[in-house]
Amino acid sequence: MVLGILGGGQLGRMTAFAAARLGVDVRVLTPSVSGPTAPLADVTVGDWEDASVLDPWAEACDVVTVESEWAPADRVPAGVPVRPGVEALVAIRHKGRQRARLAEHGLPQPAHVWAATRGEALAALERFGAVVCKRFEGSYDGYGNATCRTEADVQAAWDDLSAEDGLLVEAFVPFEAEAAVTAARRPAVDGRGGATVVYPVVRSEHRDHRLWAAWAPAGFPESVEAEARRVALATVEALDVVGVATVEVFVAEGGAVLVNEVAPRPHNTAHLTIDASHTSQFENHVRAVLDWPLGDPGLRVPAACVVNVLGEREGGVAPGLSDALAVDGASVHLYGKTEVRPARKMGHVTATAPTVEAARERAEAAAEAVRL
């Protein structure tokens, strides 16, 4: 089997690792030189929107998947399976369409407005009291969004973020916690939904709109975790995603669960599955897109925590690993990027332990020791 991946970053790298274990060859198409996947796959660097580049590359693959929802999977020639699916990607990559699809299926989400004009964005602020303004496309990891509490905030967000179709303006949710649920789903058969496995709920913590840490068990009441799993599974089915997808949710007062965003691919919050689950999200993604039986998503350890390793400076990569590797129960994963930038994801650390508290303490200590 030959698995094609559109995108050559860290998600492609970790997917390629998982594919190699299963004897699957990997071809990557990326529009820019990429360090992460180069040692693990046959990498083509070229304009992936140019049919003369994309078509022959895709036709040499049995299945094509994506590292990011913004990859041009809708341009892949007919006859080459694209997973998670072109329709799913088109819906998810645009936050307005994503919200509309969720609404069609009655899924719980924050109140929101598709603001076509500056005036509509200001009216949404007056209606909701506080809002999060999001660019429709290209908004992720603290980029392309802004929390606004005043008219001046909304004015600045409109100037910085709006495009021809305006902005998505969401009511700010005074959540009690953030969580994420990852699922893996095989293709539908004879009109029936594909077989699906759901990973344990993960609690997450963000700083400056970027994921800082995620851990499992999440520690919510079972009723809340059951609702989070239900909402996540219903979301993946509503969008007809094939492969791995992560549904990020807000846990609001009283245990209500609201869908924040959907990622139709492996996700940072589930990186701990590499070291803590019977089957990692990356292996199950490979299995799902190739329509192979899915593996056990359960934890094989009492507790685990993942912490991102972020760049702290500009320059080349010269990690100090000795102190990090000396932390008991910690596993360091660096992504092979050749240049450091402040706040750039350079890797992650997962730690396992008898308790969540101990796992987080170990993961944070090891991540701090890497010092990139």
Protein backbone atom coordinates (compact mmCIF):
# COMPACT_ATOMS: atom_id res chain seq x y z
CA MET A 1 0.00 0.00 0.00
CA VAL A 2 1.08 3.58 -0.69
CA LEU A 3 -0.36 6.30 1.53
CA GLY A 4 -0.20 9.86 0.23
CA ILE A 5 -0.10 12.77 2.66
CA LEU A 6 -0.73 16.36 1.59
CA GLY A 7 1.54 18.29 3.94
CA GLY A 8 5.02 17.70 5.30
CA GLY A 9 4.94 18.88 8.92
CA GLN A 10 4.94 17.10 12.26
CA LEU A 11 1.56 15.43 11.81
CA GLY A 12 2.79 13.91 8.56
CA ARG A 13 5.97 12.82 10.32
CA MET A 14 4.13 10.98 13.10
CA THR A 15 1.65 9.46 10.62
CA ALA A 16 4.58 8.21 8.54
CA PHE A 17 6.14 6.62 11.64
CA ALA A 18 2.91 4.74 12.26
CA ALA A 19 2.58 3.72 8.61
CA ALA A 20 6.14 2.39 8.53
CA ARG A 21 5.36 0.05 11.43
CA LEU A 22 2.58 -1.44 9.31
CA GLY A 23 4.73 -1.78 6.19
CA VAL A 24 2.97 1.05 4.36
CA ASP A 25 4.99 3.28 2.05
CA VAL A 26 4.37 7.01 2.38
CA ARG A 27 4.51 9.72 -0.29
CA VAL A 28 4.32 13.36 0.76
CA LEU A 29 3.48 16.42 -1.33
CA THR A 30 4.35 19.73 0.27
CA PRO A 31 4.56 23.25 -1.17
CA SER A 32 7.72 24.08 0.80
CA VAL A 33 10.83 22.26 1.94
CA SER A 34 9.93 20.31 5.06
CA GLY A 35 12.25 18.86 7.67
CA PRO A 36 9.77 16.75 9.64
CA THR A 37 8.78 14.13 7.04
CA ALA A 38 11.93 14.05 4.90
CA PRO A 39 13.64 11.11 6.70
CA LEU A 40 10.48 9.00 6.67
CA ALA A 41 8.81 9.39 3.29
CA ASP A 42 9.24 10.01 -0.41
CA VAL A 43 8.82 13.79 -0.37
CA THR A 44 7.86 15.89 -3.39
CA VAL A 45 8.25 19.64 -3.03
CA GLY A 46 6.07 21.54 -5.49
CA ASP A 47 2.98 23.65 -6.09
CA TRP A 48 0.26 21.34 -4.84
CA GLU A 49 -2.42 23.41 -6.57
CA ASP A 50 -0.78 22.81 -9.97
CA ALA A 51 -2.49 19.84 -11.64
CA SER A 52 0.74 18.90 -13.43
CA VAL A 53 2.29 18.37 -9.97
CA LEU A 54 -0.68 17.11 -7.95
CA ASP A 55 -2.23 14.67 -10.42
CA PRO A 56 0.73 12.35 -11.07
CA TRP A 57 1.68 12.44 -7.40
CA ALA A 58 -1.84 11.46 -6.29
CA GLU A 59 -2.24 8.78 -8.94
CA ALA A 60 0.82 6.98 -7.53
CA CYS A 61 -1.00 6.64 -4.16
CA ASP A 62 -3.63 4.11 -3.09
CA VAL A 63 -5.21 6.63 -0.70
CA VAL A 64 -4.59 10.32 -0.06
CA THR A 65 -5.02 11.95 3.35
CA VAL A 66 -4.17 15.39 4.68
CA GLU A 67 -2.09 16.90 7.40
CA SER A 68 -4.23 20.03 7.46
CA GLU A 69 -7.79 20.83 6.44
CA TRP A 70 -6.45 23.59 4.16
CA ALA A 71 -4.62 21.20 1.87
CA PRO A 72 -6.16 21.16 -1.67
CA ALA A 73 -7.66 17.69 -1.36
CA ASP A 74 -10.62 18.82 -3.46
CA ARG A 75 -8.23 19.05 -6.44
CA VAL A 76 -7.11 15.41 -6.23
CA PRO A 77 -8.11 13.65 -9.47
CA ALA A 78 -11.23 11.49 -9.50
CA GLY A 79 -10.60 7.84 -8.76
CA VAL A 80 -8.08 8.42 -5.98
CA PRO A 81 -9.77 8.00 -2.57
CA VAL A 82 -9.42 11.12 -0.40
CA ARG A 83 -9.87 10.67 3.32
CA PRO A 84 -11.28 12.22 5.53
CA GLY A 85 -13.36 13.06 2.43
CA VAL A 86 -13.57 16.11 0.21
CA GLU A 87 -17.01 17.20 1.44
CA ALA A 88 -15.89 16.94 5.06
CA LEU A 89 -12.79 19.01 4.38
CA VAL A 90 -14.68 21.70 2.46
CA ALA A 91 -17.17 22.02 5.33
CA ILE A 92 -14.61 22.02 8.12
CA ARG A 93 -11.92 24.28 6.63
CA HIS A 94 -14.33 27.23 6.58
CA LYS A 95 -15.53 28.02 10.10
CA GLY A 96 -18.82 29.45 8.89
CA ARG A 97 -19.65 26.32 6.90
CA GLN A 98 -18.50 24.17 9.81
CA ARG A 99 -20.91 25.94 12.17
CA ALA A 100 -23.73 25.66 9.63
CA ARG A 101 -23.23 21.91 9.22
CA LEU A 102 -23.25 21.37 12.98
CA ALA A 103 -26.43 23.44 13.27
CA GLU A 104 -28.12 21.34 10.57
CA HIS A 105 -27.59 18.29 12.77
CA GLY A 106 -28.68 19.96 16.01
CA LEU A 107 -25.28 19.74 17.66
CA PRO A 108 -24.65 22.01 20.64
CA GLN A 109 -22.34 24.95 19.95
CA PRO A 110 -21.83 28.57 21.03
CA ALA A 111 -24.21 31.22 19.70
CA HIS A 112 -22.61 32.86 16.69
CA VAL A 113 -23.10 35.26 13.80
CA TRP A 114 -21.69 35.20 10.29
CA ALA A 115 -20.85 38.92 10.21
CA ALA A 116 -20.67 40.16 6.63
CA THR A 117 -20.05 43.76 7.68
CA ARG A 118 -18.30 45.67 10.43
CA GLY A 119 -21.70 46.82 11.68
CA GLU A 120 -22.93 43.23 12.04
CA ALA A 121 -19.81 42.36 14.05
CA LEU A 122 -20.43 45.30 16.38
CA ALA A 123 -24.09 44.31 16.72
CA ALA A 124 -22.99 40.80 17.73
CA LEU A 125 -20.83 42.29 20.49
CA GLU A 126 -23.81 44.26 21.78
CA ARG A 127 -25.96 41.12 21.66
CA PHE A 128 -23.50 38.70 23.27
CA GLY A 129 -21.57 40.99 25.64
CA ALA A 130 -18.19 39.44 24.81
CA VAL A 131 -17.19 37.65 21.62
CA VAL A 132 -14.46 35.74 19.86
CA CYS A 133 -13.85 36.95 16.30
CA LYS A 134 -12.46 34.31 13.96
CA ARG A 135 -11.16 34.44 10.43
CA PHE A 136 -13.17 31.95 8.40
CA GLU A 137 -10.10 30.22 6.98
CA GLY A 138 -6.59 29.86 8.37
CA SER A 139 -7.54 30.41 12.02
CA TYR A 140 -5.70 28.08 14.40
CA ASP A 141 -3.28 27.95 17.37
CA GLY A 142 -3.80 31.56 18.37
CA TYR A 143 -3.60 32.84 14.81
CA GLY A 144 -6.58 34.39 13.08
CA ASN A 145 -8.79 34.95 16.11
CA ALA A 146 -9.27 37.51 18.85
CA THR A 147 -11.27 37.76 22.06
CA CYS A 148 -13.18 41.07 22.07
CA ARG A 149 -14.93 42.80 24.95
CA THR A 150 -15.18 46.37 23.65
CA GLU A 151 -16.12 48.11 20.42
CA ALA A 152 -12.47 49.05 19.96
CA ASP A 153 -11.53 45.37 20.21
CA VAL A 154 -14.03 44.45 17.50
CA GLN A 155 -12.90 47.31 15.28
CA ALA A 156 -9.29 46.13 15.57
CA ALA A 157 -10.25 42.50 14.95
CA TRP A 158 -12.22 43.48 11.84
CA ASP A 159 -9.27 45.41 10.48
CA ASP A 160 -6.84 42.56 11.20
CA LEU A 161 -8.89 39.47 10.40
CA SER A 162 -11.84 40.11 8.10
CA ALA A 163 -11.91 38.86 4.52
CA GLU A 164 -14.39 39.33 1.67
CA ASP A 165 -16.93 37.15 3.46
CA GLY A 166 -16.49 38.93 6.79
CA LEU A 167 -15.85 37.21 10.11
CA LEU A 168 -17.32 34.54 12.31
CA VAL A 169 -18.31 36.21 15.57
CA GLU A 170 -19.04 33.81 18.42
CA ALA A 171 -20.42 34.46 21.87
CA PHE A 172 -17.64 34.09 24.43
CA VAL A 173 -18.36 30.96 26.47
CA PRO A 174 -17.53 31.30 30.20
CA PHE A 175 -16.52 27.64 30.26
CA GLU A 176 -15.48 25.72 33.34
CA ALA A 177 -13.03 23.58 31.37
CA GLU A 178 -11.87 22.72 27.87
CA ALA A 179 -11.75 19.14 26.62
CA ALA A 180 -11.24 17.16 23.46
CA VAL A 181 -12.44 13.82 22.13
CA THR A 182 -10.67 11.99 19.32
CA ALA A 183 -12.36 9.33 17.21
CA ALA A 184 -11.22 7.12 14.35
CA ARG A 185 -13.77 6.08 11.70
CA ARG A 186 -13.57 3.71 8.75
CA PRO A 187 -15.37 4.34 5.44
CA ALA A 188 -19.09 3.70 5.23
CA VAL A 189 -20.18 0.31 3.87
CA ASP A 190 -23.40 -0.25 1.90
CA GLY A 191 -24.84 3.05 3.10
CA ARG A 192 -24.09 2.32 6.74
CA GLY A 193 -21.72 4.44 8.81
CA GLY A 194 -18.20 3.12 9.14
CA ALA A 195 -16.94 1.36 12.26
CA THR A 196 -15.71 3.89 14.82
CA VAL A 197 -13.61 3.86 17.98
CA VAL A 198 -13.55 6.75 20.45
CA TYR A 199 -10.59 7.66 22.63
CA PRO A 200 -10.98 8.65 26.29
CA VAL A 201 -11.91 12.27 26.94
CA VAL A 202 -8.86 14.52 27.37
CA ARG A 203 -8.88 17.71 29.43
CA SER A 204 -6.87 20.53 27.91
CA GLU A 205 -5.37 23.83 28.97
CA HIS A 206 -4.65 26.67 26.56
CA ARG A 207 -2.44 29.70 26.98
CA ASP A 208 -2.69 32.61 24.51
CA HIS A 209 -5.12 30.50 22.44
CA ARG A 210 -2.49 27.75 22.05
CA LEU A 211 -2.57 24.32 23.60
CA TRP A 212 -0.24 24.11 26.58
CA ALA A 213 -1.11 20.72 28.09
CA ALA A 214 -3.62 17.91 27.78
CA TRP A 215 -4.17 14.97 30.08
CA ALA A 216 -6.19 11.83 30.67
CA PRO A 217 -8.12 10.70 32.57
CA ALA A 218 -9.91 14.03 32.25
CA GLY A 219 -11.48 13.83 35.69
CA PHE A 220 -14.99 14.97 34.72
CA PRO A 221 -18.11 13.32 36.14
CA GLU A 222 -19.03 10.28 34.09
CA SER A 223 -22.20 12.00 32.88
CA VAL A 224 -20.11 14.83 31.39
CA GLU A 225 -17.64 12.45 29.76
CA ALA A 226 -20.48 10.40 28.31
CA GLU A 227 -22.04 13.55 26.84
CA ALA A 228 -18.67 14.66 25.42
CA ARG A 229 -18.22 11.28 23.73
CA ARG A 230 -21.78 11.38 22.40
CA VAL A 231 -21.38 14.87 20.97
CA ALA A 232 -18.01 14.03 19.44
CA LEU A 233 -19.27 10.85 17.78
CA ALA A 234 -22.36 12.62 16.46
CA THR A 235 -20.15 15.42 15.08
CA VAL A 236 -17.82 13.04 13.26
CA GLU A 237 -20.79 11.19 11.79
CA ALA A 238 -22.56 14.42 10.79
CA LEU A 239 -19.48 15.55 8.89
CA ASP A 240 -18.91 12.03 7.50
CA VAL A 241 -15.22 12.10 8.42
CA VAL A 242 -13.10 9.06 7.52
CA GLY A 243 -9.91 8.68 9.52
CA VAL A 244 -9.08 10.39 12.78
CA ALA A 245 -10.86 13.56 13.86
CA THR A 246 -10.76 15.53 17.09
CA VAL A 247 -13.70 17.50 18.45
CA GLU A 248 -12.66 20.25 20.86
CA VAL A 249 -15.41 21.14 23.31
CA PHE A 250 -16.22 23.58 26.07
CA VAL A 251 -17.57 22.15 29.31
CA ALA A 252 -19.90 24.85 30.59
CA GLU A 253 -21.67 25.36 33.90
CA GLY A 254 -23.86 22.44 34.82
CA GLY A 255 -21.91 20.04 32.62
CA ALA A 256 -23.23 21.26 29.26
CA VAL A 257 -20.93 20.35 26.35
CA LEU A 258 -20.54 22.74 23.39
CA VAL A 259 -18.53 22.06 20.24
CA ASN A 260 -15.70 24.57 19.87
CA GLU A 261 -13.91 23.35 16.74
CA VAL A 262 -13.39 20.20 14.68
CA ALA A 263 -10.06 19.00 13.27
CA PRO A 264 -10.45 16.29 10.57
CA ARG A 265 -6.98 14.82 11.18
CA PRO A 266 -4.68 13.81 14.04
CA HIS A 267 -4.57 16.48 16.73
CA ASN A 268 -2.21 17.89 19.34
CA THR A 269 -4.50 16.98 22.25
CA ALA A 270 -4.23 13.30 21.31
CA HIS A 271 -0.44 13.14 20.96
CA LEU A 272 -0.33 11.44 24.35
CA THR A 273 -1.89 8.38 22.71
CA ILE A 274 1.52 7.54 21.21
CA ASP A 275 2.85 6.61 24.65
CA ALA A 276 -0.32 6.06 26.66
CA SER A 277 -2.84 4.18 24.47
CA HIS A 278 -2.94 0.64 23.15
CA THR A 279 -3.20 2.13 19.65
CA SER A 280 -2.05 5.66 18.92
CA GLN A 281 -4.18 8.17 17.04
CA PHE A 282 -1.65 8.01 14.19
CA GLU A 283 -1.83 4.24 13.80
CA ASN A 284 -5.61 4.32 13.91
CA HIS A 285 -5.60 7.11 11.33
CA VAL A 286 -3.55 4.92 8.99
CA ARG A 287 -5.78 1.94 9.68
CA ALA A 288 -8.97 3.95 9.14
CA VAL A 289 -8.02 5.64 5.87
CA LEU A 290 -6.81 2.30 4.47
CA ASP A 291 -10.05 0.69 5.69
CA TRP A 292 -8.30 -1.74 8.04
CA PRO A 293 -9.61 -2.93 11.43
CA LEU A 294 -9.23 -0.28 14.12
CA GLY A 295 -7.13 -0.75 17.24
CA ASP A 296 -8.01 -0.41 20.92
CA PRO A 297 -8.14 3.31 21.83
CA GLY A 298 -8.04 2.74 25.58
CA LEU A 299 -5.31 3.87 27.95
CA ARG A 300 -2.70 1.28 28.88
CA VAL A 301 -1.39 3.41 31.78
CA PRO A 302 -3.16 4.95 34.77
CA ALA A 303 -2.55 8.55 33.64
CA ALA A 304 -0.74 10.58 30.99
CA CYS A 305 -0.07 14.22 30.17
CA VAL A 306 1.32 15.87 27.03
CA VAL A 307 3.00 19.30 27.09
CA ASN A 308 4.09 21.16 23.96
CA VAL A 309 7.71 22.14 23.45
CA LEU A 310 7.57 25.66 22.01
CA GLY A 311 10.34 27.75 20.54
CA GLU A 312 11.69 30.50 22.76
CA ARG A 313 13.99 32.31 20.31
CA GLU A 314 15.01 32.69 16.67
CA GLY A 315 17.69 30.50 15.14
CA GLY A 316 18.88 26.97 14.59
CA VAL A 317 17.88 23.91 16.58
CA ALA A 318 20.24 22.81 19.33
CA PRO A 319 18.13 21.00 21.93
CA GLY A 320 19.49 19.97 25.29
CA LEU A 321 18.04 16.53 25.90
CA SER A 322 20.05 15.07 28.78
CA ASP A 323 18.02 16.67 31.56
CA ALA A 324 14.73 16.02 29.80
CA LEU A 325 15.49 12.35 29.20
CA ALA A 326 16.43 11.96 32.84
CA VAL A 327 12.83 12.69 33.94
CA ASP A 328 11.22 9.42 35.00
CA GLY A 329 8.30 8.38 32.81
CA ALA A 330 8.80 11.13 30.22
CA SER A 331 9.11 10.60 26.46
CA VAL A 332 10.48 13.39 24.26
CA HIS A 333 9.20 13.81 20.70
CA LEU A 334 11.00 16.38 18.54
CA TYR A 335 9.66 17.16 15.09
CA GLY A 336 12.84 17.60 13.07
CA LYS A 337 12.25 21.27 12.29
CA THR A 338 15.44 23.07 11.37
CA GLU A 339 14.52 26.59 12.50
CA VAL A 340 13.27 27.80 15.86
CA ARG A 341 10.79 30.68 16.20
CA PRO A 342 9.11 32.00 19.34
CA ALA A 343 5.95 30.00 20.12
CA ARG A 344 6.54 27.61 17.19
CA LYS A 345 5.70 23.98 18.00
CA MET A 346 9.04 22.19 17.98
CA GLY A 347 7.96 18.99 19.70
CA HIS A 348 6.11 17.63 22.68
CA VAL A 349 6.74 15.63 25.82
CA THR A 350 4.42 12.94 27.12
CA ALA A 351 4.75 11.62 30.64
CA THR A 352 2.96 8.69 32.20
CA ALA A 353 2.47 8.16 35.93
CA PRO A 354 0.13 6.66 38.53
CA THR A 355 -1.78 9.97 38.75
CA VAL A 356 -2.58 12.90 36.47
CA GLU A 357 -0.85 15.27 38.87
CA ALA A 358 2.38 13.31 38.74
CA ALA A 359 2.18 12.92 34.96
CA ARG A 360 1.76 16.65 34.48
CA GLU A 361 4.60 17.48 36.83
CA ARG A 362 6.92 15.14 34.92
CA ALA A 363 5.81 16.38 31.48
CA GLU A 364 6.25 20.04 32.37
CA ALA A 365 9.66 19.41 33.92
CA ALA A 366 10.89 17.53 30.84
CA ALA A 367 9.46 20.08 28.40
CA GLU A 368 11.13 22.90 30.30
CA ALA A 369 14.44 21.03 30.21
CA VAL A 370 14.48 20.75 26.41
CA ARG A 371 14.88 24.56 26.06
CA LEU A 372 14.60 25.27 22.35
